[in-house]
Amino acid sequence: MPGDNGKGVEQDVVIIGAGAAGIAAARRLQAIRPDLSILLLEAGDRLGGRAWSIGLPGASDIALDLGCGWLHGARTNAWTGIADEVGLTVDRTPAPWNGGRRLQRDDAETRAAQEAIGAYFERLESHEGDDTDLAAMLEPGNAWNGQIRAIGTYITGAELERSSVVDYNRYDPGPGPDWRVREGYGTLISRYGRPVPARLGVEVTRIDHRHAGHIAIETNQGGLSARAVLVTVSTNMLAAEKIAFDPPLPEKIEAAARLPLGLADKLFLRLDNQEALPADTHMLGSISRGATGTYQLRPLGAPVVEAYFAGDLAHDLEREGRDAAFSFAADELAAQFGADIRKELSVTAISAWAAAPHIGGSYSYAEPGASDLRTVLAAPHDQRIFFAGEACSRSRYSTAHGAYETGVAAADLIAGSFSKKA
């Protein structure tokens, strides 16, 4: 394979992590500096990172996304254009929050909930002064705090008490609706990465940058060296110091620790009789409690239900396993559609991102007071060690296109650093 290396062989650029950021950086460098040798190292057994699509039996043109699934800010999202470029199909059916189909009553109770939720988010957006956590903006005793908590955990992957109001207000995925890739967001990102020289199953354990002329990289498959290194691993892996830096980079470890990954897991349920549920319709499991799932019924018309769990509920169900997740989802669906719906359901696939080796969660959130650390995390060290990934994005964190943008930005910095060295 071009770029395949043995111990001690030098590359111009080694990129650690083959998710959206690492792949974007590699493709950008290939385009603007074809003279540089590039090698992408991935600890897992596939390209894509937290973007992971699997096939749906019996449906050749639809995939299930166990990780990111929506092209947020789709009109300006770089991945939308890349989907066309690599021959995949962007489905422009409106998301439920963009006017798509929702399964909900139009009654006084529903309207009261919507008013309470709207008022809560208005309080968040009008917050001034010192940072605080999202729970501080709840009205004590409000009957709809449970539903507000549920929505908050879907957004951040963590309970409201852990998440920063300032960081929430900086989030801006860009204009436009949210769309999907029929063949899968994970399929899109991994296909885009195919032209990049890559080695899978390579765990980087140490980055030795003591020497001016090169950076030594230790892995479970031997050593290699590079003139520049781009680190795109998750904040949970950095905070756990799965990669040791020599000399240490304590500011990076601290930033990563305060920008941890929240958790959002998905459970896909096969629906034997697809006419039992309406197509591409969204529902919330419970309107009163925070520990509830959100469900996309027959996404893209497929005979499945996509259940989505976040925060502490996701951690609990992941620990308890597949049967517990199925039971929880089936109970919530039966409460809406009757007990007979259980007979139509069986588990097709389930994610477990907290337990995922080399990742450890879903997408980053900022602890109160930590939002500015996204910039600290993204800053290059000594113009030789660079960083990228969704957690490095000030306004598009938690998204694959935020990761893409940080990868491209890092690639441009790397290219510039070589120009200065030349």
Protein backbone atom coordinates (compact mmCIF):
# COMPACT_ATOMS: atom_id res chain seq x y z
CA MET A 1 0.00 0.00 0.00
CA PRO A 2 1.35 3.47 -0.82
CA GLY A 3 2.45 5.13 2.38
CA ASP A 4 2.70 1.87 4.32
CA ASN A 5 5.64 2.15 6.67
CA GLY A 6 7.80 0.04 8.87
CA LYS A 7 9.57 1.06 12.03
CA GLY A 8 11.48 4.30 11.80
CA VAL A 9 10.49 5.20 8.24
CA GLU A 10 9.77 8.90 7.92
CA GLN A 11 6.59 10.54 6.65
CA ASP A 12 6.07 14.22 6.14
CA VAL A 13 2.70 14.13 7.94
CA VAL A 14 1.15 11.47 10.16
CA ILE A 15 -2.53 11.91 10.99
CA ILE A 16 -3.84 10.05 14.03
CA GLY A 17 -7.52 9.15 13.82
CA ALA A 18 -9.54 8.36 10.68
CA GLY A 19 -12.75 10.15 11.55
CA ALA A 20 -14.23 13.15 9.75
CA ALA A 21 -11.44 15.52 10.84
CA GLY A 22 -8.54 13.23 10.00
CA ILE A 23 -9.95 12.29 6.60
CA ALA A 24 -10.77 15.90 5.75
CA ALA A 25 -7.25 17.00 6.67
CA ALA A 26 -5.66 14.24 4.61
CA ARG A 27 -7.76 14.99 1.54
CA ARG A 28 -7.01 18.69 1.85
CA LEU A 29 -3.27 18.06 2.09
CA GLN A 30 -3.40 15.74 -0.90
CA ALA A 31 -5.02 18.57 -2.88
CA ILE A 32 -2.82 21.49 -1.86
CA ARG A 33 0.50 19.74 -1.16
CA PRO A 34 0.73 16.62 -3.33
CA ASP A 35 4.49 16.65 -2.76
CA LEU A 36 4.05 15.68 0.91
CA SER A 37 3.89 12.09 2.06
CA ILE A 38 0.86 11.48 4.29
CA LEU A 39 -0.10 8.49 6.40
CA LEU A 40 -3.38 8.09 8.28
CA LEU A 41 -3.28 5.87 11.38
CA GLU A 42 -6.51 4.46 12.81
CA ALA A 43 -6.73 2.36 15.95
CA GLY A 44 -10.05 0.81 14.91
CA ASP A 45 -10.84 -1.54 12.07
CA ARG A 46 -12.61 0.92 9.75
CA LEU A 47 -12.59 4.51 8.50
CA GLY A 48 -15.15 6.99 9.80
CA GLY A 49 -14.72 7.21 13.57
CA ARG A 50 -18.02 8.29 15.10
CA ALA A 51 -19.64 8.09 11.66
CA TRP A 52 -20.58 4.44 11.15
CA SER A 53 -23.14 3.07 8.71
CA ILE A 54 -24.32 -0.53 8.51
CA GLY A 55 -26.49 -2.15 5.88
CA LEU A 56 -30.20 -2.74 6.31
CA PRO A 57 -31.09 -6.31 5.28
CA GLY A 58 -33.33 -6.28 2.26
CA ALA A 59 -32.72 -2.62 1.42
CA SER A 60 -29.72 -2.07 -0.85
CA ASP A 61 -30.10 1.72 -1.08
CA ILE A 62 -30.60 2.55 2.62
CA ALA A 63 -28.11 2.25 5.49
CA LEU A 64 -28.50 2.68 9.22
CA ASP A 65 -26.28 5.27 10.91
CA LEU A 66 -25.12 4.11 14.33
CA GLY A 67 -23.28 7.41 14.75
CA CYS A 68 -23.99 10.82 13.22
CA GLY A 69 -26.95 10.73 10.87
CA TRP A 70 -28.07 14.26 10.01
CA LEU A 71 -26.37 16.74 7.69
CA HIS A 72 -26.90 19.71 10.01
CA GLY A 73 -26.92 23.09 8.27
CA ALA A 74 -27.11 21.06 5.09
CA ARG A 75 -27.01 23.86 2.52
CA THR A 76 -23.57 24.99 3.71
CA ASN A 77 -22.40 21.67 5.16
CA ALA A 78 -19.31 20.56 3.21
CA TRP A 79 -20.42 16.93 3.37
CA THR A 80 -23.54 17.72 1.32
CA GLY A 81 -21.45 18.61 -1.71
CA ILE A 82 -19.04 15.74 -1.06
CA ALA A 83 -21.99 13.32 -1.11
CA ASP A 84 -22.74 14.40 -4.66
CA GLU A 85 -19.03 14.19 -5.52
CA VAL A 86 -18.72 10.55 -4.41
CA GLY A 87 -22.03 9.43 -5.89
CA LEU A 88 -24.28 9.21 -2.83
CA THR A 89 -27.86 10.44 -2.44
CA VAL A 90 -28.86 13.33 -0.19
CA ASP A 91 -32.44 12.92 1.01
CA ARG A 92 -34.06 16.30 1.51
CA THR A 93 -37.06 15.16 3.54
CA PRO A 94 -37.46 17.74 6.32
CA ALA A 95 -36.23 16.75 9.77
CA PRO A 96 -38.94 16.75 12.45
CA TRP A 97 -37.54 19.99 13.90
CA ASN A 98 -37.49 21.55 10.38
CA GLY A 99 -41.18 20.95 9.77
CA GLY A 100 -41.12 17.20 9.20
CA ARG A 101 -43.76 14.84 10.52
CA ARG A 102 -44.25 14.57 14.26
CA LEU A 103 -46.54 12.27 16.18
CA GLN A 104 -48.02 14.54 18.80
CA ARG A 105 -51.34 15.80 19.95
CA ASP A 106 -52.53 19.32 19.32
CA ASP A 107 -54.17 20.00 22.65
CA ALA A 108 -53.80 22.34 25.60
CA GLU A 109 -51.24 20.11 27.32
CA THR A 110 -49.03 19.96 24.23
CA ARG A 111 -49.23 23.70 23.73
CA ALA A 112 -48.34 24.31 27.39
CA ALA A 113 -45.28 22.08 27.01
CA GLN A 114 -44.19 23.89 23.86
CA GLU A 115 -44.55 27.26 25.57
CA ALA A 116 -42.47 26.11 28.54
CA ILE A 117 -39.77 24.67 26.29
CA GLY A 118 -39.69 27.84 24.19
CA ALA A 119 -39.43 30.02 27.29
CA TYR A 120 -36.55 27.91 28.63
CA PHE A 121 -34.51 28.25 25.45
CA GLU A 122 -35.24 31.98 25.34
CA ARG A 123 -33.77 32.24 28.84
CA LEU A 124 -30.67 30.37 27.67
CA GLU A 125 -30.22 32.63 24.66
CA SER A 126 -30.67 35.83 26.66
CA HIS A 127 -28.26 34.81 29.43
CA GLU A 128 -25.62 37.38 30.28
CA GLY A 129 -22.77 37.44 32.73
CA ASP A 130 -20.77 34.54 34.11
CA ASP A 131 -21.19 31.10 32.64
CA THR A 132 -23.43 28.63 34.40
CA ASP A 133 -24.93 25.23 33.74
CA LEU A 134 -28.04 24.55 31.71
CA ALA A 135 -30.00 23.35 34.76
CA ALA A 136 -29.63 26.76 36.40
CA MET A 137 -32.02 28.17 33.78
CA LEU A 138 -34.88 25.83 34.72
CA GLU A 139 -37.87 27.25 36.58
CA PRO A 140 -38.16 25.33 39.86
CA GLY A 141 -41.32 23.28 39.94
CA ASN A 142 -42.18 23.76 36.27
CA ALA A 143 -44.31 20.80 35.20
CA TRP A 144 -42.41 20.49 31.93
CA ASN A 145 -38.87 20.37 33.32
CA GLY A 146 -38.70 16.66 32.57
CA GLN A 147 -39.27 17.20 28.86
CA ILE A 148 -36.84 20.12 28.87
CA ARG A 149 -34.23 17.88 30.49
CA ALA A 150 -34.79 15.22 27.84
CA ILE A 151 -34.28 17.70 25.02
CA GLY A 152 -31.18 19.10 26.71
CA THR A 153 -29.56 15.68 26.95
CA TYR A 154 -30.26 15.02 23.26
CA ILE A 155 -28.44 18.26 22.45
CA THR A 156 -25.34 17.75 24.62
CA GLY A 157 -25.33 14.06 25.47
CA ALA A 158 -25.08 14.96 29.17
CA GLU A 159 -27.34 16.06 31.98
CA LEU A 160 -28.10 19.77 32.19
CA GLU A 161 -26.06 20.24 35.37
CA ARG A 162 -22.84 19.40 33.51
CA SER A 163 -23.21 21.59 30.44
CA SER A 164 -22.25 25.21 29.76
CA VAL A 165 -24.78 27.89 28.82
CA VAL A 166 -22.07 29.95 27.06
CA ASP A 167 -21.07 26.95 24.96
CA TYR A 168 -24.69 26.24 24.07
CA ASN A 169 -25.13 29.82 22.88
CA ARG A 170 -22.02 29.63 20.70
CA TYR A 171 -23.36 26.62 18.81
CA ASP A 172 -24.17 27.51 15.21
CA PRO A 173 -24.38 24.64 12.72
CA GLY A 174 -24.93 27.05 9.84
CA PRO A 175 -27.99 28.01 7.80
CA GLY A 176 -30.29 25.61 6.11
CA PRO A 177 -32.28 22.51 7.01
CA ASP A 178 -31.00 19.16 8.21
CA TRP A 179 -30.92 16.37 5.60
CA ARG A 180 -29.76 12.76 5.46
CA VAL A 181 -27.62 10.56 3.22
CA ARG A 182 -29.65 7.56 2.10
CA GLU A 183 -26.62 5.31 1.96
CA GLY A 184 -25.44 6.61 5.35
CA TYR A 185 -23.35 9.46 6.74
CA GLY A 186 -20.74 6.91 7.78
CA THR A 187 -20.66 5.55 4.24
CA LEU A 188 -20.07 9.09 2.97
CA ILE A 189 -17.13 9.82 5.27
CA SER A 190 -15.45 6.45 4.83
CA ARG A 191 -15.82 6.60 1.04
CA TYR A 192 -14.27 10.08 1.02
CA GLY A 193 -11.31 8.61 2.89
CA ARG A 194 -10.57 5.83 0.40
CA PRO A 195 -7.85 7.73 -1.54
CA VAL A 196 -5.83 8.33 1.64
CA PRO A 197 -2.92 6.00 2.50
CA ALA A 198 -4.11 4.48 5.76
CA ARG A 199 -3.25 1.76 8.24
CA LEU A 200 -6.00 0.29 10.42
CA GLY A 201 -5.53 -1.35 13.81
CA VAL A 202 -2.61 0.94 14.67
CA GLU A 203 -2.83 2.33 18.21
CA VAL A 204 -0.55 5.30 18.82
CA THR A 205 0.77 5.17 22.39
CA ARG A 206 3.44 7.90 22.50
CA ILE A 207 4.44 11.02 20.61
CA ASP A 208 8.05 12.02 21.29
CA HIS A 209 8.66 15.59 20.13
CA ARG A 210 11.92 16.24 21.99
CA HIS A 211 14.00 16.42 18.82
CA ALA A 212 13.97 19.34 16.42
CA GLY A 213 14.32 17.33 13.24
CA HIS A 214 11.54 14.79 13.63
CA ILE A 215 8.71 13.49 15.81
CA ALA A 216 8.94 9.87 16.90
CA ILE A 217 5.63 7.99 17.06
CA GLU A 218 5.31 4.77 19.02
CA THR A 219 2.48 2.36 18.18
CA ASN A 220 1.37 -1.17 18.92
CA GLN A 221 2.87 -2.09 15.54
CA GLY A 222 6.25 -0.46 15.91
CA GLY A 223 7.64 3.03 15.52
CA LEU A 224 7.74 5.62 12.78
CA SER A 225 8.65 9.25 12.48
CA ALA A 226 7.18 12.35 10.92
CA ARG A 227 7.96 15.98 10.40
CA ALA A 228 4.45 16.97 11.53
CA VAL A 229 1.67 15.14 13.39
CA LEU A 230 -2.06 15.87 13.41
CA VAL A 231 -3.97 14.45 16.40
CA THR A 232 -7.71 14.01 15.85
CA VAL A 233 -8.59 11.48 18.57
CA SER A 234 -11.55 12.09 20.88
CA THR A 235 -11.30 14.26 23.97
CA ASN A 236 -12.00 11.25 26.20
CA MET A 237 -8.96 9.47 24.77
CA LEU A 238 -6.77 12.55 25.21
CA ALA A 239 -8.01 13.16 28.76
CA ALA A 240 -7.31 9.52 29.67
CA GLU A 241 -3.78 10.03 28.25
CA LYS A 242 -4.10 7.04 25.96
CA ILE A 243 -1.42 8.86 23.96
CA ALA A 244 1.54 10.07 26.02
CA PHE A 245 3.26 13.25 24.87
CA ASP A 246 6.97 13.66 25.58
CA PRO A 247 7.45 16.37 26.75
CA PRO A 248 3.92 16.46 28.24
CA LEU A 249 1.24 18.83 26.96
CA PRO A 250 -0.76 19.46 30.14
CA GLU A 251 -2.84 22.26 28.63
CA LYS A 252 -4.18 19.87 26.00
CA ILE A 253 -5.03 17.20 28.57
CA GLU A 254 -6.83 19.74 30.79
CA ALA A 255 -8.79 21.16 27.85
CA ALA A 256 -9.83 17.69 26.74
CA ALA A 257 -10.90 16.74 30.26
CA ARG A 258 -13.20 19.76 30.47
CA LEU A 259 -14.62 19.11 26.99
CA PRO A 260 -15.70 15.51 27.57
CA LEU A 261 -17.83 13.37 25.29
CA GLY A 262 -21.50 13.12 26.11
CA LEU A 263 -23.32 9.95 25.19
CA ALA A 264 -26.04 9.30 22.63
CA ASP A 265 -26.78 5.71 21.66
CA LYS A 266 -29.08 4.34 18.99
CA LEU A 267 -31.20 1.23 18.91
CA PHE A 268 -32.66 0.09 15.58
CA LEU A 269 -35.74 -2.10 15.81
CA ARG A 270 -36.93 -4.16 12.85
CA LEU A 271 -40.65 -3.67 12.20
CA ASP A 272 -42.20 -6.84 10.78
CA ASN A 273 -45.34 -5.11 9.57
CA GLN A 274 -44.21 -1.72 8.39
CA GLU A 275 -47.80 -0.55 8.00
CA ALA A 276 -48.12 -0.71 11.78
CA LEU A 277 -46.39 2.67 12.08
CA PRO A 278 -46.44 5.87 10.00
CA ALA A 279 -43.46 6.53 7.71
CA ASP A 280 -40.70 8.99 8.62
CA THR A 281 -42.51 10.32 11.68
CA HIS A 282 -40.97 11.43 14.95
CA MET A 283 -42.24 10.87 18.47
CA LEU A 284 -41.00 11.51 22.01
CA GLY A 285 -41.30 8.57 24.37
CA SER A 286 -42.55 10.57 27.35
CA ILE A 287 -43.61 14.19 27.59
CA SER A 288 -43.06 14.40 31.32
CA ARG A 289 -39.75 12.79 32.29
CA GLY A 290 -36.13 13.42 31.39
CA ALA A 291 -35.18 9.74 31.06
CA THR A 292 -36.95 9.03 27.80
CA GLY A 293 -36.12 8.07 24.26
CA THR A 294 -36.85 9.90 21.05
CA TYR A 295 -37.97 7.81 18.10
CA GLN A 296 -37.84 8.16 14.33
CA LEU A 297 -40.52 5.82 13.00
CA ARG A 298 -39.65 4.22 9.68
CA PRO A 299 -36.83 6.66 8.75
CA LEU A 300 -36.63 7.14 4.98
CA GLY A 301 -39.58 4.74 4.79
CA ALA A 302 -37.48 1.80 5.99
CA PRO A 303 -39.15 -0.97 8.06
CA VAL A 304 -37.34 0.05 11.26
CA VAL A 305 -37.69 2.28 14.28
CA GLU A 306 -34.64 4.37 15.22
CA ALA A 307 -34.57 4.86 18.99
CA TYR A 308 -32.22 7.50 20.38
CA PHE A 309 -31.14 7.66 24.03
CA ALA A 310 -28.85 10.26 25.59
CA GLY A 311 -27.17 11.24 28.84
CA ASP A 312 -27.51 9.12 31.97
CA LEU A 313 -30.29 7.03 30.40
CA ALA A 314 -27.95 6.06 27.56
CA HIS A 315 -25.21 5.13 30.04
CA ASP A 316 -27.64 3.01 32.06
CA LEU A 317 -29.04 1.16 29.04
CA GLU A 318 -25.58 0.63 27.56
CA ARG A 319 -24.39 -0.98 30.80
CA GLU A 320 -27.53 -3.12 31.09
CA GLY A 321 -27.30 -4.30 27.49
CA ARG A 322 -29.40 -5.04 24.45
CA ASP A 323 -32.36 -6.66 26.23
CA ALA A 324 -32.77 -3.72 28.59
CA ALA A 325 -32.64 -1.21 25.72
CA PHE A 326 -35.21 -3.22 23.76
CA SER A 327 -37.51 -3.48 26.78
CA PHE A 328 -37.28 0.27 27.46
CA ALA A 329 -38.04 1.22 23.86
CA ALA A 330 -40.82 -1.35 23.49
CA ASP A 331 -42.50 -0.04 26.65
CA GLU A 332 -42.47 3.53 25.34
CA LEU A 333 -43.76 2.51 21.91
CA ALA A 334 -46.46 0.30 23.46
CA ALA A 335 -47.65 3.24 25.56
CA GLN A 336 -48.35 5.10 22.32
CA PHE A 337 -49.44 2.32 19.95
CA GLY A 338 -50.73 -0.44 22.23
CA ALA A 339 -49.21 -3.66 23.57
CA ASP A 340 -49.49 -5.51 20.25
CA ILE A 341 -46.72 -3.36 18.75
CA ARG A 342 -44.20 -5.41 20.76
CA LYS A 343 -44.93 -8.44 18.57
CA GLU A 344 -43.80 -6.48 15.50
CA LEU A 345 -40.42 -5.46 16.92
CA SER A 346 -37.00 -7.11 17.10
CA VAL A 347 -33.47 -5.73 17.51
CA THR A 348 -31.59 -5.04 14.27
CA ALA A 349 -28.62 -3.07 15.62
CA ILE A 350 -27.49 -1.15 18.68
CA SER A 351 -24.62 1.22 19.39
CA ALA A 352 -22.53 1.42 22.55
CA TRP A 353 -20.35 4.50 22.10
CA ALA A 354 -19.24 4.84 25.73
CA ALA A 355 -17.68 1.38 25.51
CA ALA A 356 -16.30 1.91 22.00
CA PRO A 357 -12.54 1.28 22.09
CA HIS A 358 -10.42 4.30 21.10
CA ILE A 359 -13.47 6.66 21.25
CA GLY A 360 -15.38 6.49 24.55
CA GLY A 361 -18.50 8.54 23.80
CA SER A 362 -20.50 10.42 21.19
CA TYR A 363 -19.84 14.18 20.94
CA SER A 364 -18.24 16.82 23.09
CA TYR A 365 -19.87 19.26 25.46
CA ALA A 366 -18.24 21.96 27.56
CA GLU A 367 -18.39 22.05 31.32
CA PRO A 368 -19.42 25.47 32.71
CA GLY A 369 -16.53 27.87 32.20
CA ALA A 370 -14.77 25.62 29.68
CA SER A 371 -16.09 26.82 26.32
CA ASP A 372 -12.96 28.86 25.54
CA LEU A 373 -10.88 25.69 25.94
CA ARG A 374 -12.05 24.61 22.48
CA THR A 375 -9.63 27.21 21.11
CA VAL A 376 -6.88 25.97 23.46
CA LEU A 377 -7.42 22.41 22.27
CA ALA A 378 -7.25 23.44 18.61
CA ALA A 379 -4.05 25.49 18.88
CA PRO A 380 -0.92 23.94 17.29
CA HIS A 381 2.05 23.14 19.49
CA ASP A 382 5.42 24.29 18.21
CA GLN A 383 4.10 24.30 14.63
CA ARG A 384 4.74 20.55 14.56
CA ILE A 385 1.88 18.96 16.53
CA PHE A 386 -1.57 19.96 15.34
CA PHE A 387 -5.05 19.17 16.62
CA ALA A 388 -8.46 18.83 14.98
CA GLY A 389 -11.86 17.27 15.61
CA GLU A 390 -15.38 18.40 16.45
CA ALA A 391 -14.36 19.40 19.99
CA CYS A 392 -11.93 21.93 18.47
CA SER A 393 -14.76 23.80 16.75
CA ARG A 394 -16.01 26.84 18.64
CA SER A 395 -19.44 26.91 17.02
CA ARG A 396 -19.91 23.60 15.18
CA TYR A 397 -18.75 21.21 17.86
CA SER A 398 -20.63 17.88 18.02
CA THR A 399 -21.05 17.79 14.22
CA ALA A 400 -19.25 15.99 11.41
CA HIS A 401 -19.01 19.18 9.38
CA GLY A 402 -17.49 20.97 12.38
CA ALA A 403 -14.90 18.18 12.46
CA TYR A 404 -14.38 18.56 8.70
CA GLU A 405 -13.77 22.31 9.02
CA THR A 406 -11.20 21.87 11.79
CA GLY A 407 -9.44 19.20 9.72
CA VAL A 408 -9.21 21.50 6.71
CA ALA A 409 -8.00 24.38 8.91
CA ALA A 410 -5.32 22.15 10.45
CA ALA A 411 -4.23 20.97 7.00
CA ASP A 412 -3.79 24.58 5.88
CA LEU A 413 -1.68 25.30 8.96
CA ILE A 414 0.43 22.20 8.32
CA ALA A 415 0.96 23.19 4.70
CA GLY A 416 1.99 26.66 5.83
CA SER A 417 4.42 25.25 8.36
CA PHE A 418 6.18 23.26 5.63
CA SER A 419 6.46 26.35 3.49
CA LYS A 420 8.27 28.08 6.34
CA LYS A 421 10.57 25.11 6.85
CA ALA A 422 11.42 24.81 3.16
